[in-house]
């Protein structure tokens, strides 16, 4: 028995089996608690992720509509868009180009952009889903208040007035009475009430912007539409990856205690009580949310699965909404806790526990409550699957561990015995070095485990070999140290060379911008080669100083360069901070490029920043008793060819395109 306890095999197998048993008992004890923690943590993480994504995306939709109104208002202010003097084709092409560009860069979101005049004329552009195309629209007295659609070239945005067609319906479209128009005529800017779109008959929300002349006289109303169908499609996509039985719906909270059900991830259609029990009724947006509760329970056979799901969803929405009204006094802010952006509650529905999270979307006096409802069973089901896998893996690992422990004990003890025999055989052939007798491997003799006791005795016979090996190791160590010193010297030389190369590369980037090389796919200036080129749609910005020749003639060469460098140092950050880069300096002129989907907007932001920095620079010049300067800026977006040109002794990066010339000419027009 003593021999068993002294054995290595015992001390390998016994601790592993003991730890395995303890782990099994512990896992059984905490399994139930883990399931509750898992469900709570899962929903907390999941709900925050979904709510943040929904609020972010919807805020993006709303911001897009407001931005289009602002762009149109800017175009009117700058007289780029004049409804009094411009012809119909020019106005419609403006709206078509703007909507095409916006939908391409922002993945849809805005369905229509338009302008209503006081004479009843409607001018605009809308996205036509059936043809997946943008069309121009017009109505008014000349069309008999009938909507006329004009085809649009989807590349250039040009409107073909000769091919206009009327809608299939004979319904007349009059501006007066339309919610967005009446709101704008009253001088109110913001969001219209939700109403049914005249063209698509779908729920729509309009960003409204009244337009007046310099005397404050009302001229018309700008509008940009968001269809709730696009929000519904987004809610379906964002939810399906997380919960198959979950639900998202949005309520418009109003101060008059009437709440609009705007959109749900299940769609707008459900069953409610009426004379024909098989008839589907659209959820009217202006209806009080508490009125959607289905007042009857048809036989199970009377509804298919999809219809039953819609009915259950309507009941769940009604109960949650009623709970919302009871708790929150009809206010999204009251429903959330401690002024937080998100609030988590629970609700029992037909024997199932639902986790409910409410979040707020607040945009220009528009207050929406976003509700996320996920059944606890979905989360527990995920935990059950994960726990089953965990238990299976645990039992498998335990079995493997036990088998490996037994196998390891055999594999370890046997080699130790063989090693002992080999060492004994080897020591018999090597003479003993008595100088090593003073070395003791252990302070006390090893008596157990018995395998190591025998091994310790055998080690004593190897002491004579260690003396020779120590000498060899010392010699090799000296040679390694010498080699190490040589390597360190070489590394220092390489480091110095690398610093020189970095300094050279840094200076080189001052002549050829790294952004320009990135567009060409060149990672390092040493990769530059003649003829390298690429085509890219980009925005070009030209700028130069007005009356520079006159200013330059009155200065010395030194003053000229100091003046230009001081000016360029002010302007350069305005471009780089708005995702652009300097292509070249042409005397006092700047040519800059902007890449990416938002290149046009970034170039405009850069131009505005340049004008602000010019004001700062002019204040400095005035303080220095120098006259202020003025600049001109021209911007254009088009298809460019970027590449390396030159000869055998010099090459340079350049941009070739008629659009570059157009941008330069636009800048020249600012002189007049």
Foldseek 3Di string as FASTA:
>chain_A
DVLLVQAPLCVLQVVLVVVLVVVVVVCVVCVVVVLVVLLVVLCVVLVVVLVVVLLVVVVVLQVLFVVVVVVVQVCVVVVVDDPVPDDQQSNQLVQQVSQLLSCVLPVHSWFWKWKAWPQFKIWTWGQDVVVRGIWIWIAHVVNVQFIWTFDADSPRSGTDPVPIDTDPDPDGDGLPPDQQFVCQVVVDFAKTPWDQDPPPRATKIKGKDWDDDPVRHTTIIIIIIGGCVVSLVVQLVSPVVPAPLKKKWKWWQDPVLAIFGRAMVLGQWAAADDPDRLDIDGRDRRHRLLVQQHPDDDDPVSDDPSRVSRNLVSNVSNVVVVVCCVQQVRDLCSSAPPSDQKHWDWDADPNWIWIKMWGWRDDRNTIMIMIIIHTSVRSSVVVVVVVVVVVVVSVVVSVVSSVVSSVVSVVVLVVLVVVLVVLQVVLVVADADVVQVVDDPDPDQDPGPPSVNSVNVSVVSCSRVVVVVVVVVVVVVVVVVVVVVVVVVVVVVVVVVVVVVVVVQVVVCVAPPVVLCVVLVHNGPVPADAPRKDKAWKKKKKKAWPPVVVVVVVDDPVVLVVVLVVLCVLLQCLQVVLQKHWQDCDRSMTIIIHHDSCRVVSVVSSVVSSVVSLVVVQVVCVVVVHHRIDMFMFMDIDMKMWGWHDDDPDIGIDIDDVRNVVRVVRRVVVVD
